Amino acid sequence: MNENFYLLDTSFIVAFLSSKDVHHKRALELFEQTEGIFASNFLVFQETVTVICRRAREQNMLSSNLFRIINDFFNTIMIINEI
């Protein structure tokens, strides 16, 4: 079995999670239409949390629900230690 492997970066993840992001719709389409293994690493996780929290704070939208959304997403992909 030969599955495709996709390493997700912060820009894609932020667009996927943020409905206000200009690339949100395209990120959703790509995620839904693509088959394979989605992965990221801990540094991308940290950067994603930082970017989303900064944007949320700027829009006065910081909440505990935000952290659940981020956590739920990262629980659906593989986290790798090395690239």
PDB file of N, CA and C in Angstrom:
ATOM      1  N   MET A   1       0.842  -1.187   0.000  1.00  0.00           N
ATOM      2  CA  MET A   1       0.000   0.000   0.000  1.00  0.00           C
ATOM      3  C   MET A   1       0.881   1.243   0.000  1.00  0.00           C
ATOM      4  N   ASN A   2       0.673   2.108  -0.954  1.00  0.00           N
ATOM      5  CA  ASN A   2       1.491   3.297  -1.116  1.00  0.00           C
ATOM      6  C   ASN A   2       0.614   4.532  -1.005  1.00  0.00           C
ATOM      7  N   GLU A   3       0.559   5.118   0.184  1.00  0.00           N
ATOM      8  CA  GLU A   3      -0.265   6.310   0.398  1.00  0.00           C
ATOM      9  C   GLU A   3       0.557   7.573   0.204  1.00  0.00           C
ATOM     10  N   ASN A   4      -0.095   8.614  -0.268  1.00  0.00           N
ATOM     11  CA  ASN A   4       0.551   9.916  -0.363  1.00  0.00           C
ATOM     12  C   ASN A   4       0.697  10.498   1.028  1.00  0.00           C
ATOM     13  N   PHE A   5       1.762  11.256   1.231  1.00  0.00           N
ATOM     14  CA  PHE A   5       2.076  11.863   2.516  1.00  0.00           C
ATOM     15  C   PHE A   5       2.127  13.374   2.318  1.00  0.00           C
ATOM     16  N   TYR A   6       1.380  14.111   3.119  1.00  0.00           N
ATOM     17  CA  TYR A   6       1.307  15.569   3.002  1.00  0.00           C
ATOM     18  C   TYR A   6       1.744  16.215   4.301  1.00  0.00           C
ATOM     19  N   LEU A   7       2.780  17.030   4.219  1.00  0.00           N
ATOM     20  CA  LEU A   7       3.266  17.766   5.372  1.00  0.00           C
ATOM     21  C   LEU A   7       2.604  19.141   5.369  1.00  0.00           C
ATOM     22  N   LEU A   8       1.777  19.399   6.358  1.00  0.00           N
ATOM     23  CA  LEU A   8       1.009  20.644   6.430  1.00  0.00           C
ATOM     24  C   LEU A   8       1.825  21.723   7.127  1.00  0.00           C
ATOM     25  N   ASP A   9       1.792  22.927   6.560  1.00  0.00           N
ATOM     26  CA  ASP A   9       2.479  24.046   7.193  1.00  0.00           C
ATOM     27  C   ASP A   9       1.475  24.952   7.893  1.00  0.00           C
ATOM     28  N   THR A  10       1.991  25.930   8.592  1.00  0.00           N
ATOM     29  CA  THR A  10       1.156  26.830   9.375  1.00  0.00           C
ATOM     30  C   THR A  10       0.146  27.579   8.516  1.00  0.00           C
ATOM     31  N   SER A  11       0.554  28.051   7.364  1.00  0.00           N
ATOM     32  CA  SER A  11      -0.358  28.822   6.512  1.00  0.00           C
ATOM     33  C   SER A  11      -1.587  28.011   6.131  1.00  0.00           C
ATOM     34  N   PHE A  12      -1.373  26.758   5.753  1.00  0.00           N
ATOM     35  CA  PHE A  12      -2.503  25.904   5.381  1.00  0.00           C
ATOM     36  C   PHE A  12      -3.407  25.654   6.584  1.00  0.00           C
ATOM     37  N   ILE A  13      -2.831  25.321   7.716  1.00  0.00           N
ATOM     38  CA  ILE A  13      -3.620  24.989   8.904  1.00  0.00           C
ATOM     39  C   ILE A  13      -4.418  26.197   9.379  1.00  0.00           C
ATOM     40  N   VAL A  14      -3.795  27.363   9.396  1.00  0.00           N
ATOM     41  CA  VAL A  14      -4.497  28.584   9.818  1.00  0.00           C
ATOM     42  C   VAL A  14      -5.651  28.872   8.859  1.00  0.00           C
ATOM     43  N   ALA A  15      -5.409  28.740   7.563  1.00  0.00           N
ATOM     44  CA  ALA A  15      -6.478  28.968   6.584  1.00  0.00           C
ATOM     45  C   ALA A  15      -7.607  27.963   6.784  1.00  0.00           C
ATOM     46  N   PHE A  16      -7.268  26.725   7.057  1.00  0.00           N
ATOM     47  CA  PHE A  16      -8.262  25.683   7.269  1.00  0.00           C
ATOM     48  C   PHE A  16      -9.117  25.970   8.509  1.00  0.00           C
ATOM     49  N   LEU A  17      -8.485  26.402   9.567  1.00  0.00           N
ATOM     50  CA  LEU A  17      -9.189  26.601  10.840  1.00  0.00           C
ATOM     51  C   LEU A  17      -9.912  27.937  10.953  1.00  0.00           C
ATOM     52  N   SER A  18      -9.472  28.924  10.209  1.00  0.00           N
ATOM     53  CA  SER A  18     -10.024  30.274  10.356  1.00  0.00           C
ATOM     54  C   SER A  18     -10.976  30.615   9.210  1.00  0.00           C
ATOM     55  N   SER A  19     -12.254  30.685   9.519  1.00  0.00           N
ATOM     56  CA  SER A  19     -13.252  30.996   8.490  1.00  0.00           C
ATOM     57  C   SER A  19     -13.084  32.405   7.923  1.00  0.00           C
ATOM     58  N   LYS A  20     -12.354  33.261   8.617  1.00  0.00           N
ATOM     59  CA  LYS A  20     -12.134  34.630   8.137  1.00  0.00           C
ATOM     60  C   LYS A  20     -10.886  34.749   7.261  1.00  0.00           C
ATOM     61  N   ASP A  21     -10.114  33.688   7.164  1.00  0.00           N
ATOM     62  CA  ASP A  21      -8.915  33.697   6.338  1.00  0.00           C
ATOM     63  C   ASP A  21      -9.307  33.719   4.862  1.00  0.00           C
ATOM     64  N   VAL A  22      -8.586  34.476   4.041  1.00  0.00           N
ATOM     65  CA  VAL A  22      -8.924  34.586   2.621  1.00  0.00           C
ATOM     66  C   VAL A  22      -8.777  33.260   1.878  1.00  0.00           C
ATOM     67  N   HIS A  23      -7.998  32.336   2.419  1.00  0.00           N
ATOM     68  CA  HIS A  23      -7.776  31.036   1.772  1.00  0.00           C
ATOM     69  C   HIS A  23      -8.566  29.900   2.423  1.00  0.00           C
ATOM     70  N   HIS A  24      -9.483  30.247   3.312  1.00  0.00           N
ATOM     71  CA  HIS A  24     -10.230  29.231   4.069  1.00  0.00           C
ATOM     72  C   HIS A  24     -10.980  28.256   3.163  1.00  0.00           C
ATOM     73  N   LYS A  25     -11.733  28.763   2.225  1.00  0.00           N
ATOM     74  CA  LYS A  25     -12.543  27.902   1.356  1.00  0.00           C
ATOM     75  C   LYS A  25     -11.660  26.930   0.576  1.00  0.00           C
ATOM     76  N   ARG A  26     -10.568  27.416   0.042  1.00  0.00           N
ATOM     77  CA  ARG A  26      -9.664  26.560  -0.739  1.00  0.00           C
ATOM     78  C   ARG A  26      -8.992  25.510   0.142  1.00  0.00           C
ATOM     79  N   ALA A  27      -8.623  25.884   1.356  1.00  0.00           N
ATOM     80  CA  ALA A  27      -8.014  24.922   2.278  1.00  0.00           C
ATOM     81  C   ALA A  27      -9.004  23.804   2.613  1.00  0.00           C
ATOM     82  N   LEU A  28     -10.264  24.155   2.840  1.00  0.00           N
ATOM     83  CA  LEU A  28     -11.293  23.138   3.104  1.00  0.00           C
ATOM     84  C   LEU A  28     -11.430  22.194   1.916  1.00  0.00           C
ATOM     85  N   GLU A  29     -11.485  22.770   0.714  1.00  0.00           N
ATOM     86  CA  GLU A  29     -11.625  21.956  -0.495  1.00  0.00           C
ATOM     87  C   GLU A  29     -10.453  20.991  -0.650  1.00  0.00           C
ATOM     88  N   LEU A  30      -9.250  21.493  -0.477  1.00  0.00           N
ATOM     89  CA  LEU A  30      -8.070  20.642  -0.613  1.00  0.00           C
ATOM     90  C   LEU A  30      -8.061  19.518   0.416  1.00  0.00           C
ATOM     91  N   PHE A  31      -8.402  19.848   1.650  1.00  0.00           N
ATOM     92  CA  PHE A  31      -8.388  18.842   2.714  1.00  0.00           C
ATOM     93  C   PHE A  31      -9.428  17.752   2.445  1.00  0.00           C
ATOM     94  N   GLU A  32     -10.591  18.151   1.971  1.00  0.00           N
ATOM     95  CA  GLU A  32     -11.668  17.191   1.720  1.00  0.00           C
ATOM     96  C   GLU A  32     -11.415  16.356   0.466  1.00  0.00           C
ATOM     97  N   GLN A  33     -10.748  16.912  -0.520  1.00  0.00           N
ATOM     98  CA  GLN A  33     -10.548  16.220  -1.793  1.00  0.00           C
ATOM     99  C   GLN A  33      -9.270  15.390  -1.848  1.00  0.00           C
ATOM    100  N   THR A  34      -8.408  15.534  -0.864  1.00  0.00           N
ATOM    101  CA  THR A  34      -7.106  14.881  -0.895  1.00  0.00           C
ATOM    102  C   THR A  34      -7.119  13.654  -0.006  1.00  0.00           C
ATOM    103  N   GLU A  35      -6.617  12.552  -0.549  1.00  0.00           N
ATOM    104  CA  GLU A  35      -6.523  11.314   0.220  1.00  0.00           C
ATOM    105  C   GLU A  35      -5.059  11.038   0.527  1.00  0.00           C
ATOM    106  N   GLY A  36      -4.807  10.587   1.716  1.00  0.00           N
ATOM    107  CA  GLY A  36      -3.450  10.260   2.112  1.00  0.00           C
ATOM    108  C   GLY A  36      -3.246  10.538   3.583  1.00  0.00           C
ATOM    109  N   ILE A  37      -2.004  10.599   3.963  1.00  0.00           N
ATOM    110  CA  ILE A  37      -1.633  10.842   5.356  1.00  0.00           C
ATOM    111  C   ILE A  37      -1.265  12.316   5.502  1.00  0.00           C
ATOM    112  N   PHE A  38      -1.939  12.997   6.407  1.00  0.00           N
ATOM    113  CA  PHE A  38      -1.645  14.394   6.699  1.00  0.00           C
ATOM    114  C   PHE A  38      -0.792  14.444   7.958  1.00  0.00           C
ATOM    115  N   ALA A  39       0.259  15.232   7.920  1.00  0.00           N
ATOM    116  CA  ALA A  39       1.165  15.292   9.066  1.00  0.00           C
ATOM    117  C   ALA A  39       1.674  16.710   9.249  1.00  0.00           C
ATOM    118  N   SER A  40       2.212  16.937  10.415  1.00  0.00           N
ATOM    119  CA  SER A  40       2.862  18.193  10.732  1.00  0.00           C
ATOM    120  C   SER A  40       3.853  17.899  11.841  1.00  0.00           C
ATOM    121  N   ASN A  41       4.511  18.922  12.342  1.00  0.00           N
ATOM    122  CA  ASN A  41       5.431  18.704  13.452  1.00  0.00           C
ATOM    123  C   ASN A  41       5.119  19.675  14.585  1.00  0.00           C
ATOM    124  N   PHE A  42       5.819  19.500  15.690  1.00  0.00           N
ATOM    125  CA  PHE A  42       5.508  20.289  16.877  1.00  0.00           C
ATOM    126  C   PHE A  42       5.795  21.772  16.675  1.00  0.00           C
ATOM    127  N   LEU A  43       6.819  22.109  15.895  1.00  0.00           N
ATOM    128  CA  LEU A  43       7.115  23.521  15.650  1.00  0.00           C
ATOM    129  C   LEU A  43       5.989  24.193  14.873  1.00  0.00           C
ATOM    130  N   VAL A  44       5.406  23.487  13.910  1.00  0.00           N
ATOM    131  CA  VAL A  44       4.259  24.025  13.170  1.00  0.00           C
ATOM    132  C   VAL A  44       3.069  24.178  14.112  1.00  0.00           C
ATOM    133  N   PHE A  45       2.875  23.210  15.003  1.00  0.00           N
ATOM    134  CA  PHE A  45       1.806  23.308  16.000  1.00  0.00           C
ATOM    135  C   PHE A  45       1.977  24.587  16.820  1.00  0.00           C
ATOM    136  N   GLN A  46       3.169  24.819  17.323  1.00  0.00           N
ATOM    137  CA  GLN A  46       3.425  26.013  18.134  1.00  0.00           C
ATOM    138  C   GLN A  46       3.182  27.297  17.344  1.00  0.00           C
ATOM    139  N   GLU A  47       3.670  27.321  16.119  1.00  0.00           N
ATOM    140  CA  GLU A  47       3.491  28.509  15.291  1.00  0.00           C
ATOM    141  C   GLU A  47       2.007  28.743  14.972  1.00  0.00           C
ATOM    142  N   THR A  48       1.284  27.672  14.708  1.00  0.00           N
ATOM    143  CA  THR A  48      -0.154  27.771  14.421  1.00  0.00           C
ATOM    144  C   THR A  48      -0.901  28.363  15.616  1.00  0.00           C
ATOM    145  N   VAL A  49      -0.620  27.865  16.791  1.00  0.00           N
ATOM    146  CA  VAL A  49      -1.268  28.391  18.006  1.00  0.00           C
ATOM    147  C   VAL A  49      -0.955  29.872  18.163  1.00  0.00           C
ATOM    148  N   THR A  50       0.291  30.252  17.940  1.00  0.00           N
ATOM    149  CA  THR A  50       0.692  31.652  18.069  1.00  0.00           C
ATOM    150  C   THR A  50      -0.053  32.537  17.077  1.00  0.00           C
ATOM    151  N   VAL A  51      -0.110  32.136  15.815  1.00  0.00           N
ATOM    152  CA  VAL A  51      -0.772  32.940  14.781  1.00  0.00           C
ATOM    153  C   VAL A  51      -2.265  33.063  15.060  1.00  0.00           C
ATOM    154  N   ILE A  52      -2.906  31.951  15.371  1.00  0.00           N
ATOM    155  CA  ILE A  52      -4.354  31.979  15.612  1.00  0.00           C
ATOM    156  C   ILE A  52      -4.681  32.803  16.854  1.00  0.00           C
ATOM    157  N   CYS A  53      -3.900  32.652  17.901  1.00  0.00           N
ATOM    158  CA  CYS A  53      -4.154  33.439  19.117  1.00  0.00           C
ATOM    159  C   CYS A  53      -3.937  34.928  18.870  1.00  0.00           C
ATOM    160  N   ARG A  54      -2.907  35.265  18.099  1.00  0.00           N
ATOM    161  CA  ARG A  54      -2.676  36.677  17.791  1.00  0.00           C
ATOM    162  C   ARG A  54      -3.844  37.257  17.005  1.00  0.00           C
ATOM    163  N   ARG A  55      -4.293  36.519  15.989  1.00  0.00           N
ATOM    164  CA  ARG A  55      -5.434  36.999  15.194  1.00  0.00           C
ATOM    165  C   ARG A  55      -6.693  37.102  16.049  1.00  0.00           C
ATOM    166  N   ALA A  56      -6.910  36.126  16.901  1.00  0.00           N
ATOM    167  CA  ALA A  56      -8.103  36.138  17.752  1.00  0.00           C
ATOM    168  C   ALA A  56      -8.059  37.309  18.723  1.00  0.00           C
ATOM    169  N   ARG A  57      -6.885  37.567  19.291  1.00  0.00           N
ATOM    170  CA  ARG A  57      -6.750  38.688  20.220  1.00  0.00           C
ATOM    171  C   ARG A  57      -6.998  40.010  19.500  1.00  0.00           C
ATOM    172  N   GLU A  58      -6.482  40.138  18.280  1.00  0.00           N
ATOM    173  CA  GLU A  58      -6.691  41.362  17.508  1.00  0.00           C
ATOM    174  C   GLU A  58      -8.167  41.594  17.198  1.00  0.00           C
ATOM    175  N   GLN A  59      -8.938  40.506  17.101  1.00  0.00           N
ATOM    176  CA  GLN A  59     -10.363  40.599  16.784  1.00  0.00           C
ATOM    177  C   GLN A  59     -11.239  40.407  18.028  1.00  0.00           C
ATOM    178  N   ASN A  60     -10.615  40.439  19.209  1.00  0.00           N
ATOM    179  CA  ASN A  60     -11.315  40.239  20.484  1.00  0.00           C
ATOM    180  C   ASN A  60     -12.148  38.959  20.483  1.00  0.00           C
ATOM    181  N   MET A  61     -11.550  37.879  20.002  1.00  0.00           N
ATOM    182  CA  MET A  61     -12.264  36.611  19.903  1.00  0.00           C
ATOM    183  C   MET A  61     -11.567  35.483  20.658  1.00  0.00           C
ATOM    184  N   LEU A  62     -10.651  35.794  21.551  1.00  0.00           N
ATOM    185  CA  LEU A  62      -9.909  34.771  22.272  1.00  0.00           C
ATOM    186  C   LEU A  62     -10.840  34.032  23.228  1.00  0.00           C
ATOM    187  N   SER A  63     -10.854  32.698  23.144  1.00  0.00           N
ATOM    188  CA  SER A  63     -11.717  31.909  24.025  1.00  0.00           C
ATOM    189  C   SER A  63     -11.148  30.510  24.199  1.00  0.00           C
ATOM    190  N   SER A  64     -11.636  29.812  25.205  1.00  0.00           N
ATOM    191  CA  SER A  64     -11.189  28.439  25.437  1.00  0.00           C
ATOM    192  C   SER A  64     -11.635  27.523  24.302  1.00  0.00           C
ATOM    193  N   ASN A  65     -12.722  27.872  23.634  1.00  0.00           N
ATOM    194  CA  ASN A  65     -13.203  27.094  22.499  1.00  0.00           C
ATOM    195  C   ASN A  65     -12.164  27.074  21.373  1.00  0.00           C
ATOM    196  N   LEU A  66     -11.436  28.149  21.234  1.00  0.00           N
ATOM    197  CA  LEU A  66     -10.398  28.254  20.221  1.00  0.00           C
ATOM    198  C   LEU A  66      -9.346  27.168  20.417  1.00  0.00           C
ATOM    199  N   PHE A  67      -8.934  26.942  21.647  1.00  0.00           N
ATOM    200  CA  PHE A  67      -7.925  25.923  21.927  1.00  0.00           C
ATOM    201  C   PHE A  67      -8.462  24.519  21.670  1.00  0.00           C
ATOM    202  N   ARG A  68      -9.736  24.282  21.904  1.00  0.00           N
ATOM    203  CA  ARG A  68     -10.343  22.984  21.611  1.00  0.00           C
ATOM    204  C   ARG A  68     -10.331  22.725  20.114  1.00  0.00           C
ATOM    205  N   ILE A  69     -10.645  23.739  19.325  1.00  0.00           N
ATOM    206  CA  ILE A  69     -10.650  23.609  17.863  1.00  0.00           C
ATOM    207  C   ILE A  69      -9.259  23.256  17.353  1.00  0.00           C
ATOM    208  N   ILE A  70      -8.248  23.965  17.841  1.00  0.00           N
ATOM    209  CA  ILE A  70      -6.867  23.694  17.431  1.00  0.00           C
ATOM    210  C   ILE A  70      -6.465  22.276  17.836  1.00  0.00           C
ATOM    211  N   ASN A  71      -6.749  21.907  19.067  1.00  0.00           N
ATOM    212  CA  ASN A  71      -6.412  20.579  19.568  1.00  0.00           C
ATOM    213  C   ASN A  71      -7.114  19.488  18.764  1.00  0.00           C
ATOM    214  N   ASP A  72      -8.394  19.680  18.489  1.00  0.00           N
ATOM    215  CA  ASP A  72      -9.148  18.686  17.709  1.00  0.00           C
ATOM    216  C   ASP A  72      -8.530  18.487  16.331  1.00  0.00           C
ATOM    217  N   PHE A  73      -8.123  19.573  15.686  1.00  0.00           N
ATOM    218  CA  PHE A  73      -7.514  19.447  14.367  1.00  0.00           C
ATOM    219  C   PHE A  73      -6.213  18.653  14.446  1.00  0.00           C
ATOM    220  N   PHE A  74      -5.355  19.017  15.388  1.00  0.00           N
ATOM    221  CA  PHE A  74      -4.064  18.335  15.483  1.00  0.00           C
ATOM    222  C   PHE A  74      -4.205  16.881  15.917  1.00  0.00           C
ATOM    223  N   ASN A  75      -5.320  16.528  16.516  1.00  0.00           N
ATOM    224  CA  ASN A  75      -5.564  15.120  16.848  1.00  0.00           C
ATOM    225  C   ASN A  75      -5.990  14.304  15.629  1.00  0.00           C
ATOM    226  N   THR A  76      -6.320  14.966  14.516  1.00  0.00           N
ATOM    227  CA  THR A  76      -6.733  14.250  13.306  1.00  0.00           C
ATOM    228  C   THR A  76      -5.580  14.002  12.344  1.00  0.00           C
ATOM    229  N   ILE A  77      -4.414  14.580  12.611  1.00  0.00           N
ATOM    230  CA  ILE A  77      -3.266  14.382  11.734  1.00  0.00           C
ATOM    231  C   ILE A  77      -2.119  13.745  12.508  1.00  0.00           C
ATOM    232  N   MET A  78      -1.134  13.256  11.784  1.00  0.00           N
ATOM    233  CA  MET A  78       0.029  12.647  12.400  1.00  0.00           C
ATOM    234  C   MET A  78       1.021  13.754  12.773  1.00  0.00           C
ATOM    235  N   ILE A  79       1.544  13.689  13.992  1.00  0.00           N
ATOM    236  CA  ILE A  79       2.573  14.624  14.414  1.00  0.00           C
ATOM    237  C   ILE A  79       3.901  13.871  14.349  1.00  0.00           C
ATOM    238  N   ILE A  80       4.838  14.443  13.605  1.00  0.00           N
ATOM    239  CA  ILE A  80       6.138  13.793  13.473  1.00  0.00           C
ATOM    240  C   ILE A  80       7.196  14.591  14.205  1.00  0.00           C
ATOM    241  N   ASN A  81       8.226  13.896  14.676  1.00  0.00           N
ATOM    242  CA  ASN A  81       9.291  14.552  15.426  1.00  0.00           C
ATOM    243  C   ASN A  81      10.366  15.115  14.539  1.00  0.00           C
ATOM    244  N   GLU A  82      10.589  14.500  13.394  1.00  0.00           N
ATOM    245  CA  GLU A  82      11.650  14.934  12.492  1.00  0.00           C
ATOM    246  C   GLU A  82      11.118  15.034  11.077  1.00  0.00           C
ATOM    247  N   ILE A  83      11.750  15.869  10.305  1.00  0.00           N
ATOM    248  CA  ILE A  83      11.380  15.995   8.888  1.00  0.00           C
ATOM    249  C   ILE A  83      12.535  15.491   8.056  1.00  0.00           C
TER     250      ILE A  83
END
